[in-house]
Amino acid sequence: MVISEKTIEDQRRAFVSKGLIIKPWLEEIRAQVVENLNEANVNSDEETMQHTDENQQKENGRRL
């Protein structure tokens, strides 16, 4: 399920305006999201490198 940035921003605005979430919590949530996105990017990069290495090994094996 993909949630748009606009939806997230609308929900954030509603929570803050109704006093359901305080600023320190919001900052903590934001930091956790950034950390999770960074981890996801690192994992994705590692998987890409692994697949690239595997493909190069296969190509090298075919050339022999």
PDB file of N, CA and C in Angstrom:
ATOM      1  N   MET A   1       0.850  -1.179   0.000  1.00  0.00           N
ATOM      2  CA  MET A   1       0.000   0.000   0.000  1.00  0.00           C
ATOM      3  C   MET A   1       0.888   1.233   0.000  1.00  0.00           C
ATOM      4  N   VAL A   2       0.652   2.113  -0.932  1.00  0.00           N
ATOM      5  CA  VAL A   2       1.427   3.342  -1.040  1.00  0.00           C
ATOM      6  C   VAL A   2       0.572   4.497  -0.528  1.00  0.00           C
ATOM      7  N   ILE A   3       1.157   5.267   0.370  1.00  0.00           N
ATOM      8  CA  ILE A   3       0.462   6.432   0.918  1.00  0.00           C
ATOM      9  C   ILE A   3       1.165   7.669   0.391  1.00  0.00           C
ATOM     10  N   SER A   4       0.392   8.597  -0.137  1.00  0.00           N
ATOM     11  CA  SER A   4       0.998   9.784  -0.719  1.00  0.00           C
ATOM     12  C   SER A   4       1.505  10.735   0.363  1.00  0.00           C
ATOM     13  N   GLU A   5       2.471  11.544  -0.026  1.00  0.00           N
ATOM     14  CA  GLU A   5       3.014  12.540   0.900  1.00  0.00           C
ATOM     15  C   GLU A   5       1.920  13.504   1.348  1.00  0.00           C
ATOM     16  N   LYS A   6       1.007  13.844   0.437  1.00  0.00           N
ATOM     17  CA  LYS A   6      -0.072  14.773   0.777  1.00  0.00           C
ATOM     18  C   LYS A   6      -0.954  14.193   1.875  1.00  0.00           C
ATOM     19  N   THR A   7      -1.261  12.897   1.772  1.00  0.00           N
ATOM     20  CA  THR A   7      -2.090  12.247   2.790  1.00  0.00           C
ATOM     21  C   THR A   7      -1.401  12.283   4.148  1.00  0.00           C
ATOM     22  N   ILE A   8      -0.121  11.963   4.149  1.00  0.00           N
ATOM     23  CA  ILE A   8       0.628  11.984   5.403  1.00  0.00           C
ATOM     24  C   ILE A   8       0.656  13.390   5.986  1.00  0.00           C
ATOM     25  N   GLU A   9       0.898  14.378   5.149  1.00  0.00           N
ATOM     26  CA  GLU A   9       0.941  15.759   5.623  1.00  0.00           C
ATOM     27  C   GLU A   9      -0.426  16.199   6.151  1.00  0.00           C
ATOM     28  N   ASP A  10      -1.498  15.820   5.478  1.00  0.00           N
ATOM     29  CA  ASP A  10      -2.848  16.154   5.947  1.00  0.00           C
ATOM     30  C   ASP A  10      -3.130  15.523   7.315  1.00  0.00           C
ATOM     31  N   GLN A  11      -2.714  14.275   7.471  1.00  0.00           N
ATOM     32  CA  GLN A  11      -2.922  13.602   8.754  1.00  0.00           C
ATOM     33  C   GLN A  11      -2.080  14.246   9.854  1.00  0.00           C
ATOM     34  N   ARG A  12      -0.842  14.577   9.538  1.00  0.00           N
ATOM     35  CA  ARG A  12       0.029  15.239  10.510  1.00  0.00           C
ATOM     36  C   ARG A  12      -0.587  16.558  10.962  1.00  0.00           C
ATOM     37  N   ARG A  13      -1.055  17.331  10.008  1.00  0.00           N
ATOM     38  CA  ARG A  13      -1.652  18.631  10.310  1.00  0.00           C
ATOM     39  C   ARG A  13      -2.874  18.457  11.218  1.00  0.00           C
ATOM     40  N   ALA A  14      -3.691  17.453  10.939  1.00  0.00           N
ATOM     41  CA  ALA A  14      -4.883  17.205  11.754  1.00  0.00           C
ATOM     42  C   ALA A  14      -4.495  16.815  13.176  1.00  0.00           C
ATOM     43  N   PHE A  15      -3.513  15.923  13.322  1.00  0.00           N
ATOM     44  CA  PHE A  15      -3.070  15.515  14.655  1.00  0.00           C
ATOM     45  C   PHE A  15      -2.530  16.700  15.452  1.00  0.00           C
ATOM     46  N   VAL A  16      -1.693  17.503  14.808  1.00  0.00           N
ATOM     47  CA  VAL A  16      -1.079  18.641  15.507  1.00  0.00           C
ATOM     48  C   VAL A  16      -2.136  19.682  15.867  1.00  0.00           C
ATOM     49  N   SER A  17      -3.017  20.005  14.935  1.00  0.00           N
ATOM     50  CA  SER A  17      -4.010  21.052  15.191  1.00  0.00           C
ATOM     51  C   SER A  17      -5.007  20.651  16.281  1.00  0.00           C
ATOM     52  N   LYS A  18      -5.276  19.354  16.406  1.00  0.00           N
ATOM     53  CA  LYS A  18      -6.203  18.886  17.435  1.00  0.00           C
ATOM     54  C   LYS A  18      -5.491  18.583  18.746  1.00  0.00           C
ATOM     55  N   GLY A  19      -4.183  18.778  18.761  1.00  0.00           N
ATOM     56  CA  GLY A  19      -3.421  18.544  19.980  1.00  0.00           C
ATOM     57  C   GLY A  19      -3.255  17.067  20.310  1.00  0.00           C
ATOM     58  N   LEU A  20      -3.415  16.211  19.319  1.00  0.00           N
ATOM     59  CA  LEU A  20      -3.297  14.771  19.548  1.00  0.00           C
ATOM     60  C   LEU A  20      -1.846  14.300  19.551  1.00  0.00           C
ATOM     61  N   ILE A  21      -0.972  15.128  19.041  1.00  0.00           N
ATOM     62  CA  ILE A  21       0.444  14.778  19.014  1.00  0.00           C
ATOM     63  C   ILE A  21       1.253  16.036  19.315  1.00  0.00           C
ATOM     64  N   ILE A  22       2.223  15.898  20.185  1.00  0.00           N
ATOM     65  CA  ILE A  22       3.019  17.065  20.545  1.00  0.00           C
ATOM     66  C   ILE A  22       4.294  17.088  19.710  1.00  0.00           C
ATOM     67  N   LYS A  23       4.860  18.260  19.614  1.00  0.00           N
ATOM     68  CA  LYS A  23       5.998  18.466  18.729  1.00  0.00           C
ATOM     69  C   LYS A  23       7.168  17.502  18.982  1.00  0.00           C
ATOM     70  N   PRO A  24       7.563  17.247  20.234  1.00  0.00           N
ATOM     71  CA  PRO A  24       8.680  16.295  20.430  1.00  0.00           C
ATOM     72  C   PRO A  24       8.372  14.906  19.858  1.00  0.00           C
ATOM     73  N   TRP A  25       7.141  14.457  19.973  1.00  0.00           N
ATOM     74  CA  TRP A  25       6.769  13.161  19.398  1.00  0.00           C
ATOM     75  C   TRP A  25       6.885  13.214  17.876  1.00  0.00           C
ATOM     76  N   LEU A  26       6.401  14.310  17.327  1.00  0.00           N
ATOM     77  CA  LEU A  26       6.454  14.469  15.881  1.00  0.00           C
ATOM     78  C   LEU A  26       7.903  14.436  15.397  1.00  0.00           C
ATOM     79  N   GLU A  27       8.794  15.104  16.111  1.00  0.00           N
ATOM     80  CA  GLU A  27      10.204  15.112  15.728  1.00  0.00           C
ATOM     81  C   GLU A  27      10.818  13.723  15.866  1.00  0.00           C
ATOM     82  N   GLU A  28      10.415  12.977  16.907  1.00  0.00           N
ATOM     83  CA  GLU A  28      10.912  11.619  17.090  1.00  0.00           C
ATOM     84  C   GLU A  28      10.423  10.712  15.959  1.00  0.00           C
ATOM     85  N   ILE A  29       9.163  10.850  15.607  1.00  0.00           N
ATOM     86  CA  ILE A  29       8.603  10.055  14.511  1.00  0.00           C
ATOM     87  C   ILE A  29       9.330  10.383  13.212  1.00  0.00           C
ATOM     88  N   ARG A  30       9.547  11.652  12.969  1.00  0.00           N
ATOM     89  CA  ARG A  30      10.241  12.078  11.749  1.00  0.00           C
ATOM     90  C   ARG A  30      11.642  11.460  11.694  1.00  0.00           C
ATOM     91  N   ALA A  31      12.355  11.481  12.820  1.00  0.00           N
ATOM     92  CA  ALA A  31      13.705  10.918  12.872  1.00  0.00           C
ATOM     93  C   ALA A  31      13.675   9.412  12.597  1.00  0.00           C
ATOM     94  N   GLN A  32      12.675   8.720  13.146  1.00  0.00           N
ATOM     95  CA  GLN A  32      12.555   7.281  12.920  1.00  0.00           C
ATOM     96  C   GLN A  32      12.258   6.979  11.455  1.00  0.00           C
ATOM     97  N   VAL A  33      11.416   7.792  10.838  1.00  0.00           N
ATOM     98  CA  VAL A  33      11.093   7.587   9.427  1.00  0.00           C
ATOM     99  C   VAL A  33      12.337   7.783   8.574  1.00  0.00           C
ATOM    100  N   VAL A  34      13.090   8.836   8.857  1.00  0.00           N
ATOM    101  CA  VAL A  34      14.321   9.085   8.106  1.00  0.00           C
ATOM    102  C   VAL A  34      15.289   7.921   8.277  1.00  0.00           C
ATOM    103  N   GLU A  35      15.438   7.437   9.503  1.00  0.00           N
ATOM    104  CA  GLU A  35      16.331   6.309   9.771  1.00  0.00           C
ATOM    105  C   GLU A  35      15.886   5.067   9.004  1.00  0.00           C
ATOM    106  N   ASN A  36      14.583   4.794   9.020  1.00  0.00           N
ATOM    107  CA  ASN A  36      14.062   3.629   8.302  1.00  0.00           C
ATOM    108  C   ASN A  36      14.266   3.753   6.796  1.00  0.00           C
ATOM    109  N   LEU A  37      14.066   4.950   6.273  1.00  0.00           N
ATOM    110  CA  LEU A  37      14.279   5.159   4.840  1.00  0.00           C
ATOM    111  C   LEU A  37      15.745   4.984   4.478  1.00  0.00           C
ATOM    112  N   ASN A  38      16.634   5.493   5.330  1.00  0.00           N
ATOM    113  CA  ASN A  38      18.066   5.332   5.080  1.00  0.00           C
ATOM    114  C   ASN A  38      18.458   3.861   5.100  1.00  0.00           C
ATOM    115  N   GLU A  39      17.938   3.105   6.064  1.00  0.00           N
ATOM    116  CA  GLU A  39      18.219   1.669   6.135  1.00  0.00           C
ATOM    117  C   GLU A  39      17.686   0.959   4.893  1.00  0.00           C
ATOM    118  N   ALA A  40      16.505   1.331   4.459  1.00  0.00           N
ATOM    119  CA  ALA A  40      15.916   0.715   3.275  1.00  0.00           C
ATOM    120  C   ALA A  40      16.773   1.008   2.051  1.00  0.00           C
ATOM    121  N   ASN A  41      17.280   2.237   1.947  1.00  0.00           N
ATOM    122  CA  ASN A  41      18.131   2.597   0.814  1.00  0.00           C
ATOM    123  C   ASN A  41      19.441   1.820   0.848  1.00  0.00           C
ATOM    124  N   VAL A  42      20.027   1.670   2.023  1.00  0.00           N
ATOM    125  CA  VAL A  42      21.277   0.913   2.154  1.00  0.00           C
ATOM    126  C   VAL A  42      21.038  -0.535   1.764  1.00  0.00           C
ATOM    127  N   ASN A  43      19.960  -1.118   2.264  1.00  0.00           N
ATOM    128  CA  ASN A  43      19.644  -2.513   1.923  1.00  0.00           C
ATOM    129  C   ASN A  43      19.410  -2.673   0.428  1.00  0.00           C
ATOM    130  N   SER A  44      18.734  -1.705  -0.159  1.00  0.00           N
ATOM    131  CA  SER A  44      18.467  -1.758  -1.594  1.00  0.00           C
ATOM    132  C   SER A  44      19.773  -1.659  -2.376  1.00  0.00           C
ATOM    133  N   ASP A  45      20.659  -0.767  -1.957  1.00  0.00           N
ATOM    134  CA  ASP A  45      21.959  -0.617  -2.616  1.00  0.00           C
ATOM    135  C   ASP A  45      22.777  -1.895  -2.495  1.00  0.00           C
ATOM    136  N   GLU A  46      22.753  -2.521  -1.308  1.00  0.00           N
ATOM    137  CA  GLU A  46      23.497  -3.766  -1.106  1.00  0.00           C
ATOM    138  C   GLU A  46      22.949  -4.877  -1.995  1.00  0.00           C
ATOM    139  N   GLU A  47      21.633  -4.964  -2.119  1.00  0.00           N
ATOM    140  CA  GLU A  47      21.030  -5.984  -2.977  1.00  0.00           C
ATOM    141  C   GLU A  47      21.393  -5.735  -4.428  1.00  0.00           C
ATOM    142  N   THR A  48      21.393  -4.483  -4.836  1.00  0.00           N
ATOM    143  CA  THR A  48      21.757  -4.144  -6.213  1.00  0.00           C
ATOM    144  C   THR A  48      23.195  -4.539  -6.495  1.00  0.00           C
ATOM    145  N   MET A  49      24.102  -4.244  -5.558  1.00  0.00           N
ATOM    146  CA  MET A  49      25.505  -4.596  -5.729  1.00  0.00           C
ATOM    147  C   MET A  49      25.672  -6.111  -5.784  1.00  0.00           C
ATOM    148  N   GLN A  50      24.935  -6.828  -4.939  1.00  0.00           N
ATOM    149  CA  GLN A  50      25.027  -8.286  -4.917  1.00  0.00           C
ATOM    150  C   GLN A  50      24.577  -8.865  -6.262  1.00  0.00           C
ATOM    151  N   HIS A  51      23.471  -8.352  -6.787  1.00  0.00           N
ATOM    152  CA  HIS A  51      22.976  -8.836  -8.074  1.00  0.00           C
ATOM    153  C   HIS A  51      23.954  -8.490  -9.196  1.00  0.00           C
ATOM    154  N   THR A  52      24.552  -7.312  -9.113  1.00  0.00           N
ATOM    155  CA  THR A  52      25.533  -6.905 -10.123  1.00  0.00           C
ATOM    156  C   THR A  52      26.736  -7.836 -10.088  1.00  0.00           C
ATOM    157  N   ASP A  53      27.227  -8.130  -8.885  1.00  0.00           N
ATOM    158  CA  ASP A  53      28.363  -9.049  -8.739  1.00  0.00           C
ATOM    159  C   ASP A  53      28.016 -10.428  -9.289  1.00  0.00           C
ATOM    160  N   GLU A  54      26.826 -10.924  -8.965  1.00  0.00           N
ATOM    161  CA  GLU A  54      26.400 -12.236  -9.450  1.00  0.00           C
ATOM    162  C   GLU A  54      26.325 -12.250 -10.973  1.00  0.00           C
ATOM    163  N   ASN A  55      25.790 -11.193 -11.544  1.00  0.00           N
ATOM    164  CA  ASN A  55      25.682 -11.114 -13.009  1.00  0.00           C
ATOM    165  C   ASN A  55      27.057 -11.060 -13.660  1.00  0.00           C
ATOM    166  N   GLN A  56      27.992 -10.325 -13.045  1.00  0.00           N
ATOM    167  CA  GLN A  56      29.339 -10.246 -13.595  1.00  0.00           C
ATOM    168  C   GLN A  56      30.021 -11.608 -13.522  1.00  0.00           C
ATOM    169  N   GLN A  57      29.821 -12.334 -12.417  1.00  0.00           N
ATOM    170  CA  GLN A  57      30.401 -13.665 -12.293  1.00  0.00           C
ATOM    171  C   GLN A  57      29.826 -14.612 -13.353  1.00  0.00           C
ATOM    172  N   LYS A  58      28.548 -14.526 -13.599  1.00  0.00           N
ATOM    173  CA  LYS A  58      27.924 -15.354 -14.623  1.00  0.00           C
ATOM    174  C   LYS A  58      28.497 -15.030 -16.011  1.00  0.00           C
ATOM    175  N   GLU A  59      28.642 -13.718 -16.284  1.00  0.00           N
ATOM    176  CA  GLU A  59      29.199 -13.299 -17.564  1.00  0.00           C
ATOM    177  C   GLU A  59      30.637 -13.778 -17.714  1.00  0.00           C
ATOM    178  N   ASN A  60      31.420 -13.667 -16.665  1.00  0.00           N
ATOM    179  CA  ASN A  60      32.802 -14.113 -16.705  1.00  0.00           C
ATOM    180  C   ASN A  60      32.881 -15.623 -16.930  1.00  0.00           C
ATOM    181  N   GLY A  61      31.985 -16.361 -16.331  1.00  0.00           N
ATOM    182  CA  GLY A  61      31.943 -17.807 -16.508  1.00  0.00           C
ATOM    183  C   GLY A  61      31.586 -18.186 -17.939  1.00  0.00           C
ATOM    184  N   ARG A  62      30.748 -17.409 -18.588  1.00  0.00           N
ATOM    185  CA  ARG A  62      30.347 -17.688 -19.975  1.00  0.00           C
ATOM    186  C   ARG A  62      31.493 -17.411 -20.944  1.00  0.00           C
ATOM    187  N   ARG A  63      32.339 -16.456 -20.593  1.00  0.00           N
ATOM    188  CA  ARG A  63      33.432 -16.072 -21.492  1.00  0.00           C
ATOM    189  C   ARG A  63      34.558 -17.091 -21.481  1.00  0.00           C
ATOM    190  N   LEU A  64      34.655 -17.864 -20.418  1.00  0.00           N
ATOM    191  CA  LEU A  64      35.751 -18.826 -20.324  1.00  0.00           C
ATOM    192  C   LEU A  64      35.543 -19.964 -21.225  1.00  0.00           C
TER     193      LEU A  64
END
